[in-house]
């Protein structure tokens, strides 16, 4: 629920009440307080078409250029509706004015936004280099990345090209900051290696897109319904962006092309998927433009959905290949282990010291009695080549064991 406080010059409040009556607003949903200094109209926006009501008020009264008039929309912390059954039937969402105000606040390149972007990028970069997950999560909490993406989606749904462009500019600014800081810190800090946190982001998979899709939908729903977990959802969205941006910077500093390409692929996939999810939620929750933007909005939404959908589909192709290689296809080491267990009957691998497969070369180190027949090793090597390929070389390193019976 939202509440409108509208102030007017003395005597104008009755005209506003007549407008509400014409819109079918019930008397228990508004209250007019009249005085010589001015009138105050309080409206509960729970049971009505919120956007139409506010549009009619703004068209009838100039709240911008008249010092006697003002329009304030806010969300109360607690609501006890007079008609609980009616309240349950209503599909409540925030007013368009509230959503637009949020977009305008988050589409300005301010000192606060730049500061938070810099600090978040520093923390994310250090967390990636140190392979410290709690530190990376800390960067997600303060990263100001949800607002600009939501602004872009709002601009598309409402047909407001200015908002769309502003959102893009702010998001690009944050991206530039994160990538630059990632590159700087990776250059300054000595002996930076590819940690697990970096490796995860340079090898994106389809589940990463699903995370972004769910996060975008949740973030949009929280914003349009004023769910109080909105900031927590923003953390999940930041997880899909700020560490990935920093990873690109680290890759640039290390000169690692695979890291740059992989992280860039993940960043683009996450951005497109987030936008697609947010636009869909806004659209189906009934966020619509004012009538003079309606034609522009329809064209913009249609084009945006086509472009985003095609982009996501195209990105799923390389991500599907990486997903298969990472999650479905058996790794050579796993194949060798399976063959070893089947032929040596050592299910717990108690006699296996190590397996290393690199550049078509399989090195197996194991414990075995000194008089073990070489036939077993030949059999194992043949089966490994049969599974991995005849061009593989299998090398055994034997650690001989001796059985002693007591008493000695």
Protein backbone atom coordinates (compact mmCIF):
# COMPACT_ATOMS: atom_id res chain seq x y z
CA UNK A 1 0.00 0.00 0.00
CA UNK A 2 1.03 3.60 -0.63
CA UNK A 3 -0.35 6.86 0.70
CA UNK A 4 -0.64 10.18 -1.15
CA UNK A 5 -0.43 13.52 0.66
CA UNK A 6 -1.55 16.25 -1.75
CA UNK A 7 -1.66 19.89 -0.65
CA UNK A 8 -3.65 22.61 -2.43
CA UNK A 9 -4.48 26.26 -2.10
CA UNK A 10 -7.47 26.91 0.16
CA UNK A 11 -10.68 25.74 -1.55
CA UNK A 12 -8.98 23.58 -4.22
CA UNK A 13 -9.32 20.40 -2.16
CA UNK A 14 -13.02 20.10 -3.10
CA UNK A 15 -12.12 20.02 -6.80
CA UNK A 16 -9.67 17.20 -6.11
CA UNK A 17 -12.36 15.30 -4.17
CA UNK A 18 -14.76 15.64 -7.12
CA UNK A 19 -12.06 14.15 -9.35
CA UNK A 20 -11.67 11.18 -6.96
CA UNK A 21 -15.43 10.61 -6.96
CA UNK A 22 -15.48 10.54 -10.75
CA UNK A 23 -12.75 7.89 -10.65
CA UNK A 24 -14.86 5.75 -8.30
CA UNK A 25 -12.68 6.20 -5.21
CA UNK A 26 -14.70 5.31 -2.13
CA UNK A 27 -15.09 7.90 0.62
CA UNK A 28 -13.33 5.74 3.23
CA UNK A 29 -10.18 5.75 1.09
CA UNK A 30 -9.54 9.49 1.25
CA UNK A 31 -9.71 12.34 3.73
CA UNK A 32 -9.85 16.08 3.01
CA UNK A 33 -8.64 18.50 5.68
CA UNK A 34 -9.53 22.12 4.86
CA UNK A 35 -8.06 25.27 6.37
CA UNK A 36 -7.50 28.92 5.51
CA UNK A 37 -3.79 28.29 4.89
CA UNK A 38 -4.47 25.44 2.45
CA UNK A 39 -6.11 22.04 1.97
CA UNK A 40 -4.60 18.60 2.63
CA UNK A 41 -5.93 15.55 0.80
CA UNK A 42 -4.87 12.09 2.06
CA UNK A 43 -5.51 9.16 -0.27
CA UNK A 44 -4.95 5.46 0.42
CA UNK A 45 -3.70 3.81 -2.78
CA UNK A 46 -4.63 0.22 -2.05
CA UNK A 47 -7.84 -0.56 -3.90
CA UNK A 48 -7.57 1.52 -7.06
CA UNK A 49 -5.69 1.94 -10.32
CA UNK A 50 -2.82 3.85 -8.77
CA UNK A 51 -1.24 5.25 -11.92
CA UNK A 52 -4.51 6.51 -13.42
CA UNK A 53 -5.40 8.33 -10.20
CA UNK A 54 -2.02 10.07 -9.94
CA UNK A 55 -2.02 10.95 -13.67
CA UNK A 56 -5.46 12.57 -13.35
CA UNK A 57 -4.35 14.60 -10.32
CA UNK A 58 -1.18 15.79 -12.10
CA UNK A 59 -3.11 16.68 -15.25
CA UNK A 60 -5.72 18.64 -13.29
CA UNK A 61 -3.33 20.41 -10.90
CA UNK A 62 0.16 21.75 -11.55
CA UNK A 63 2.20 20.47 -8.60
CA UNK A 64 5.52 21.61 -10.06
CA UNK A 65 5.14 25.35 -10.52
CA UNK A 66 2.59 26.24 -7.83
CA UNK A 67 4.00 26.94 -4.35
CA UNK A 68 0.65 26.09 -2.72
CA UNK A 69 0.59 22.57 -4.14
CA UNK A 70 2.69 19.50 -3.46
CA UNK A 71 2.39 15.78 -4.07
CA UNK A 72 4.05 13.26 -1.74
CA UNK A 73 3.80 9.48 -2.21
CA UNK A 74 5.15 7.21 0.51
CA UNK A 75 4.90 3.63 1.73
CA UNK A 76 3.83 3.08 5.36
CA UNK A 77 5.63 0.45 7.45
CA UNK A 78 2.39 -1.16 8.67
CA UNK A 79 -1.08 -1.25 7.14
CA UNK A 80 -4.28 -2.41 8.87
CA UNK A 81 -6.89 -2.29 6.07
CA UNK A 82 -10.51 -1.60 6.89
CA UNK A 83 -11.63 -4.26 4.43
CA UNK A 84 -9.31 -7.25 4.77
CA UNK A 85 -11.15 -9.40 2.25
CA UNK A 86 -10.96 -6.70 -0.38
CA UNK A 87 -7.28 -6.11 0.38
CA UNK A 88 -6.50 -9.81 -0.21
CA UNK A 89 -8.03 -9.66 -3.69
CA UNK A 90 -5.97 -6.64 -4.75
CA UNK A 91 -2.74 -7.27 -6.67
CA UNK A 92 -0.83 -4.39 -5.16
CA UNK A 93 2.21 -2.77 -6.72
CA UNK A 94 4.08 0.50 -6.27
CA UNK A 95 2.92 3.50 -8.27
CA UNK A 96 4.64 4.48 -11.49
CA UNK A 97 5.77 7.72 -9.87
CA UNK A 98 7.53 5.78 -7.11
CA UNK A 99 9.28 3.51 -9.61
CA UNK A 100 10.34 6.48 -11.77
CA UNK A 101 11.64 8.34 -8.69
CA UNK A 102 13.72 5.29 -7.79
CA UNK A 103 15.10 5.18 -11.34
CA UNK A 104 16.02 8.88 -11.34
CA UNK A 105 17.79 8.57 -7.98
CA UNK A 106 19.84 5.64 -9.27
CA UNK A 107 20.71 7.08 -12.67
CA UNK A 108 22.84 9.96 -11.47
CA UNK A 109 26.63 9.71 -11.36
CA UNK A 110 27.09 11.09 -7.86
CA UNK A 111 30.05 11.13 -5.49
CA UNK A 112 28.35 8.54 -3.28
CA UNK A 113 27.78 6.13 -6.16
CA UNK A 114 31.37 6.49 -7.38
CA UNK A 115 32.73 5.98 -3.88
CA UNK A 116 30.66 2.81 -3.34
CA UNK A 117 31.66 1.50 -6.78
CA UNK A 118 35.37 2.05 -6.07
CA UNK A 119 35.24 0.48 -2.60
CA UNK A 120 33.17 -2.49 -3.83
CA UNK A 121 35.59 -3.06 -6.71
CA UNK A 122 38.62 -2.95 -4.38
CA UNK A 123 37.05 -5.42 -1.95
CA UNK A 124 35.90 -7.73 -4.77
CA UNK A 125 39.36 -7.72 -6.40
CA UNK A 126 41.13 -8.53 -3.13
CA UNK A 127 38.60 -11.25 -2.38
CA UNK A 128 39.20 -12.83 -5.80
CA UNK A 129 43.00 -12.66 -5.50
CA UNK A 130 42.97 -14.00 -1.92
CA UNK A 131 40.30 -16.59 -2.81
CA UNK A 132 38.26 -15.35 0.15
CA UNK A 133 34.50 -15.82 -0.34
CA UNK A 134 33.34 -13.73 2.69
CA UNK A 135 35.35 -10.77 1.36
CA UNK A 136 33.71 -11.13 -2.07
CA UNK A 137 30.28 -11.23 -0.42
CA UNK A 138 31.17 -8.01 1.40
CA UNK A 139 31.77 -6.34 -1.98
CA UNK A 140 28.36 -7.50 -3.18
CA UNK A 141 26.61 -5.87 -0.23
CA UNK A 142 27.84 -2.36 -1.00
CA UNK A 143 28.03 -2.56 -4.82
CA UNK A 144 25.56 -0.08 -6.39
CA UNK A 145 24.82 -2.18 -9.50
CA UNK A 146 21.12 -3.04 -9.16
CA UNK A 147 19.84 0.53 -9.47
CA UNK A 148 21.30 1.28 -12.93
CA UNK A 149 20.08 -2.04 -14.38
CA UNK A 150 16.61 -1.47 -12.93
CA UNK A 151 16.68 2.05 -14.41
CA UNK A 152 17.44 0.63 -17.85
CA UNK A 153 14.52 -1.80 -17.55
CA UNK A 154 12.18 0.94 -16.29
CA UNK A 155 13.18 3.17 -19.21
CA UNK A 156 12.35 0.36 -21.64
CA UNK A 157 8.99 -0.55 -20.08
CA UNK A 158 7.86 3.09 -19.78
CA UNK A 159 9.23 4.14 -23.16
CA UNK A 160 11.47 6.73 -21.48
CA UNK A 161 14.63 6.85 -23.60
CA UNK A 162 16.29 9.36 -21.25
CA UNK A 163 16.07 6.93 -18.33
CA UNK A 164 17.35 4.09 -20.51
CA UNK A 165 20.39 6.09 -21.65
CA UNK A 166 21.12 7.31 -18.10
CA UNK A 167 21.00 3.75 -16.77
CA UNK A 168 23.39 2.56 -19.48
CA UNK A 169 25.85 5.40 -18.77
CA UNK A 170 25.91 4.71 -15.01
CA UNK A 171 26.29 0.95 -15.51
CA UNK A 172 29.16 1.51 -17.97
CA UNK A 173 30.81 3.88 -15.48
CA UNK A 174 30.63 1.26 -12.70
CA UNK A 175 31.91 -1.38 -15.11
CA UNK A 176 34.86 0.81 -16.10
CA UNK A 177 35.73 1.46 -12.45
CA UNK A 178 35.59 -2.24 -11.50
CA UNK A 179 37.67 -3.40 -14.47
CA UNK A 180 40.28 -0.66 -13.96
CA UNK A 181 40.65 -1.36 -10.25
CA UNK A 182 40.86 -5.11 -10.91
CA UNK A 183 43.69 -4.52 -13.37
CA UNK A 184 45.50 -2.05 -11.06
CA UNK A 185 45.48 -4.26 -7.98
CA UNK A 186 46.45 -7.39 -9.93
CA UNK A 187 49.40 -5.39 -11.31
CA UNK A 188 50.45 -3.96 -7.93
CA UNK A 189 50.12 -7.17 -5.88
CA UNK A 190 53.07 -9.53 -6.58
CA UNK A 191 52.71 -13.16 -7.63
CA UNK A 192 48.99 -13.11 -8.39
CA UNK A 193 47.84 -16.59 -9.38
CA UNK A 194 44.59 -17.97 -10.75
CA UNK A 195 42.60 -18.80 -7.60
CA UNK A 196 39.45 -20.90 -7.46
CA UNK A 197 37.32 -17.73 -7.22
CA UNK A 198 38.87 -16.42 -10.45
CA UNK A 199 38.66 -19.78 -12.19
CA UNK A 200 34.93 -20.08 -11.48
CA UNK A 201 34.29 -16.74 -13.22
CA UNK A 202 36.50 -17.47 -16.21
CA UNK A 203 34.60 -20.71 -16.89
CA UNK A 204 30.92 -19.64 -16.93
CA UNK A 205 28.14 -22.23 -17.21
CA UNK A 206 24.39 -22.27 -17.90
CA UNK A 207 23.52 -22.37 -14.16
CA UNK A 208 25.18 -18.93 -13.88
CA UNK A 209 22.55 -17.54 -16.28
CA UNK A 210 19.79 -19.23 -14.27
CA UNK A 211 21.08 -17.51 -11.12
CA UNK A 212 20.99 -14.15 -12.92
CA UNK A 213 17.47 -14.87 -14.25
CA UNK A 214 16.16 -15.70 -10.78
CA UNK A 215 17.96 -12.75 -9.16
CA UNK A 216 16.64 -10.31 -11.75
CA UNK A 217 13.08 -11.53 -11.32
CA UNK A 218 13.30 -11.39 -7.54
CA UNK A 219 14.85 -7.91 -7.60
CA UNK A 220 12.16 -6.53 -9.91
CA UNK A 221 9.39 -8.10 -7.84
CA UNK A 222 10.85 -6.73 -4.62
CA UNK A 223 11.12 -3.24 -6.13
CA UNK A 224 7.63 -3.09 -7.63
CA UNK A 225 5.92 -4.55 -4.55
CA UNK A 226 8.13 -2.75 -2.01
CA UNK A 227 9.21 -6.00 -0.40
CA UNK A 228 11.62 -5.15 2.42
CA UNK A 229 14.13 -7.75 1.24
CA UNK A 230 14.90 -5.60 -1.82
CA UNK A 231 18.45 -4.79 -0.66
CA UNK A 232 19.20 -8.45 0.04
CA UNK A 233 18.06 -9.33 -3.48
CA UNK A 234 20.37 -6.58 -4.73
CA UNK A 235 23.27 -8.46 -3.13
CA UNK A 236 22.49 -11.54 -5.26
CA UNK A 237 22.35 -9.35 -8.38
CA UNK A 238 25.70 -7.78 -7.43
CA UNK A 239 27.12 -11.31 -7.18
CA UNK A 240 26.42 -11.72 -10.88
CA UNK A 241 28.23 -8.51 -11.81
CA UNK A 242 30.82 -6.81 -9.59
CA UNK A 243 33.18 -9.82 -9.04
CA UNK A 244 32.93 -10.66 -12.75
CA UNK A 245 33.90 -7.10 -13.72
CA UNK A 246 36.89 -7.27 -11.38
CA UNK A 247 37.87 -10.65 -12.87
CA UNK A 248 38.11 -9.06 -16.33
CA UNK A 249 40.48 -6.45 -14.90
CA UNK A 250 42.64 -9.13 -13.27
CA UNK A 251 42.73 -11.02 -16.56
CA UNK A 252 43.89 -7.90 -18.39
CA UNK A 253 46.70 -7.38 -15.87
CA UNK A 254 47.80 -11.03 -16.07
CA UNK A 255 47.51 -11.04 -19.85
CA UNK A 256 45.28 -14.10 -19.56
CA UNK A 257 43.10 -14.13 -22.70
CA UNK A 258 41.00 -17.08 -21.48
CA UNK A 259 40.13 -15.21 -18.29
CA UNK A 260 39.19 -12.04 -20.18
CA UNK A 261 37.00 -13.88 -22.70
CA UNK A 262 35.38 -16.17 -20.12
CA UNK A 263 34.58 -13.39 -17.66
CA UNK A 264 33.35 -11.09 -20.45
CA UNK A 265 31.06 -13.85 -21.69
CA UNK A 266 29.69 -14.30 -18.17
CA UNK A 267 29.24 -10.55 -17.68
CA UNK A 268 27.32 -10.11 -20.93
CA UNK A 269 25.18 -13.17 -20.21
CA UNK A 270 24.35 -11.96 -16.72
CA UNK A 271 23.53 -8.41 -17.88
CA UNK A 272 21.22 -9.56 -20.68
CA UNK A 273 19.52 -12.17 -18.49
CA UNK A 274 19.01 -9.73 -15.61
CA UNK A 275 17.50 -7.13 -17.95
CA UNK A 276 15.22 -9.70 -19.56
CA UNK A 277 13.93 -10.94 -16.19
CA UNK A 278 13.37 -7.43 -14.79
CA UNK A 279 11.52 -6.23 -17.91
CA UNK A 280 9.26 -9.30 -17.90
CA UNK A 281 8.34 -8.87 -14.21
CA UNK A 282 7.65 -5.13 -14.60
CA UNK A 283 5.53 -5.75 -17.68
CA UNK A 284 3.42 -8.56 -16.24
CA UNK A 285 2.96 -6.71 -12.93
CA UNK A 286 1.20 -3.98 -14.91
CA UNK A 287 3.79 -1.21 -14.97
CA UNK A 288 2.64 0.90 -17.92
CA UNK A 289 3.66 4.26 -19.39
CA UNK A 290 1.57 7.40 -19.50
CA UNK A 291 -0.66 7.41 -22.57
CA UNK A 292 1.58 9.75 -24.61
CA UNK A 293 4.51 7.32 -24.17
CA UNK A 294 2.43 4.22 -24.87
CA UNK A 295 3.29 3.86 -28.57
CA UNK A 296 7.01 4.42 -27.95
CA UNK A 297 6.99 1.98 -25.02
CA UNK A 298 5.34 -0.81 -27.03
CA UNK A 299 7.93 -0.54 -29.80
CA UNK A 300 10.80 -0.30 -27.31
CA UNK A 301 9.63 -3.30 -25.28
CA UNK A 302 9.14 -5.40 -28.41
CA UNK A 303 12.58 -4.55 -29.82
CA UNK A 304 14.29 -4.97 -26.44
CA UNK A 305 12.73 -8.37 -25.77
CA UNK A 306 13.72 -9.58 -29.25
CA UNK A 307 17.32 -8.32 -28.91
CA UNK A 308 17.74 -9.62 -25.34
CA UNK A 309 16.19 -13.01 -26.10
CA UNK A 310 18.37 -13.52 -29.20
CA UNK A 311 21.46 -12.38 -27.26
CA UNK A 312 20.77 -14.79 -24.39
CA UNK A 313 20.15 -17.67 -26.83
CA UNK A 314 23.42 -16.94 -28.67
CA UNK A 315 25.33 -16.79 -25.38
CA UNK A 316 23.89 -20.12 -24.27
CA UNK A 317 25.76 -21.86 -27.11
CA UNK A 318 29.31 -21.33 -25.77
CA UNK A 319 28.03 -21.63 -22.21
CA UNK A 320 26.45 -25.01 -23.04
CA UNK A 321 29.80 -26.24 -24.36
CA UNK A 322 31.59 -25.06 -21.21
CA UNK A 323 28.84 -26.60 -19.03
CA UNK A 324 29.23 -29.94 -20.80
CA UNK A 325 33.00 -29.89 -20.39
CA UNK A 326 32.77 -28.82 -16.75
CA UNK A 327 29.82 -30.84 -15.45
CA UNK A 328 28.85 -33.62 -17.85
CA UNK A 329 31.92 -34.97 -19.61
CA UNK A 330 34.14 -37.21 -17.55
CA UNK A 331 37.58 -35.77 -16.88
CA UNK A 332 40.55 -37.95 -17.96
CA UNK A 333 41.57 -38.37 -14.33
CA UNK A 334 38.11 -39.73 -13.48
CA UNK A 335 38.28 -42.18 -16.39
CA UNK A 336 41.68 -43.47 -15.24
CA UNK A 337 40.48 -43.83 -11.65
CA UNK A 338 37.45 -45.82 -12.77
CA UNK A 339 39.59 -48.20 -14.85
CA UNK A 340 42.03 -48.60 -11.96
CA UNK A 341 39.29 -49.51 -9.48
CA UNK A 342 37.74 -52.03 -11.88
CA UNK A 343 41.03 -53.83 -12.63
CA UNK A 344 42.75 -53.69 -9.24
CA UNK A 345 39.64 -54.15 -7.12
CA UNK A 346 40.78 -51.24 -4.95
CA UNK A 347 37.48 -49.41 -4.45
CA UNK A 348 38.87 -47.14 -1.73
CA UNK A 349 41.99 -46.37 -3.82
CA UNK A 350 44.10 -47.18 -0.77
CA UNK A 351 47.00 -48.26 -2.99
CA UNK A 352 46.70 -45.32 -5.39
CA UNK A 353 49.02 -42.42 -4.59
CA UNK A 354 48.27 -40.03 -7.48
CA UNK A 355 47.03 -39.67 -11.05
CA UNK A 356 48.11 -36.81 -13.29
CA UNK A 357 46.94 -36.38 -16.89
CA UNK A 358 48.61 -33.65 -18.90
CA UNK A 359 49.40 -33.20 -22.59
CA UNK A 360 48.39 -36.74 -23.64
CA UNK A 361 50.53 -38.16 -20.85
CA UNK A 362 49.13 -40.20 -17.94
CA UNK A 363 51.32 -40.52 -14.83
CA UNK A 364 50.12 -43.07 -12.26
CA UNK A 365 51.88 -43.47 -8.94
CA UNK A 366 50.77 -46.43 -6.82
CA UNK A 367 51.83 -48.79 -4.06
CA UNK A 368 52.11 -52.44 -5.09
CA UNK A 369 54.04 -55.54 -4.04
CA UNK A 370 57.49 -55.69 -5.62
CA UNK A 371 56.78 -58.99 -7.40
CA UNK A 372 53.54 -57.86 -9.11
CA UNK A 373 53.28 -59.25 -12.65
CA UNK A 374 53.85 -56.61 -15.35
CA UNK A 375 50.85 -58.05 -17.18
CA UNK A 376 48.52 -56.13 -14.86
CA UNK A 377 50.16 -52.83 -15.75
CA UNK A 378 50.00 -53.61 -19.48
CA UNK A 379 46.31 -54.49 -19.13
CA UNK A 380 45.63 -51.23 -17.27
CA UNK A 381 47.57 -49.18 -19.85
CA UNK A 382 45.67 -50.79 -22.75
CA UNK A 383 42.30 -50.05 -21.17
CA UNK A 384 43.29 -46.43 -20.50
CA UNK A 385 44.35 -45.95 -24.13
CA UNK A 386 41.13 -47.60 -25.27
CA UNK A 387 39.10 -45.03 -23.32
CA UNK A 388 41.21 -41.90 -23.76
CA UNK A 389 42.83 -42.57 -27.13
CA UNK A 390 45.71 -44.54 -28.55
CA UNK A 391 47.90 -41.41 -28.68
CA UNK A 392 48.05 -41.25 -24.86
CA UNK A 393 51.24 -42.37 -23.13
CA UNK A 394 50.80 -44.22 -19.83
CA UNK A 395 53.66 -44.13 -17.32
CA UNK A 396 53.64 -46.09 -14.05
CA UNK A 397 55.73 -45.17 -11.04
CA UNK A 398 55.74 -48.04 -8.58
CA UNK A 399 56.32 -47.67 -4.87
CA UNK A 400 57.19 -51.27 -3.86
CA UNK A 401 55.69 -52.71 -0.72
CA UNK A 402 56.74 -55.72 1.33
CA UNK A 403 54.53 -57.88 3.50
CA UNK A 404 55.93 -58.87 6.89
CA UNK A 405 54.37 -61.36 9.25
CA UNK A 406 54.85 -61.27 13.01
CA UNK A 407 56.62 -62.43 14.99
CA UNK A 408 59.60 -61.38 12.91
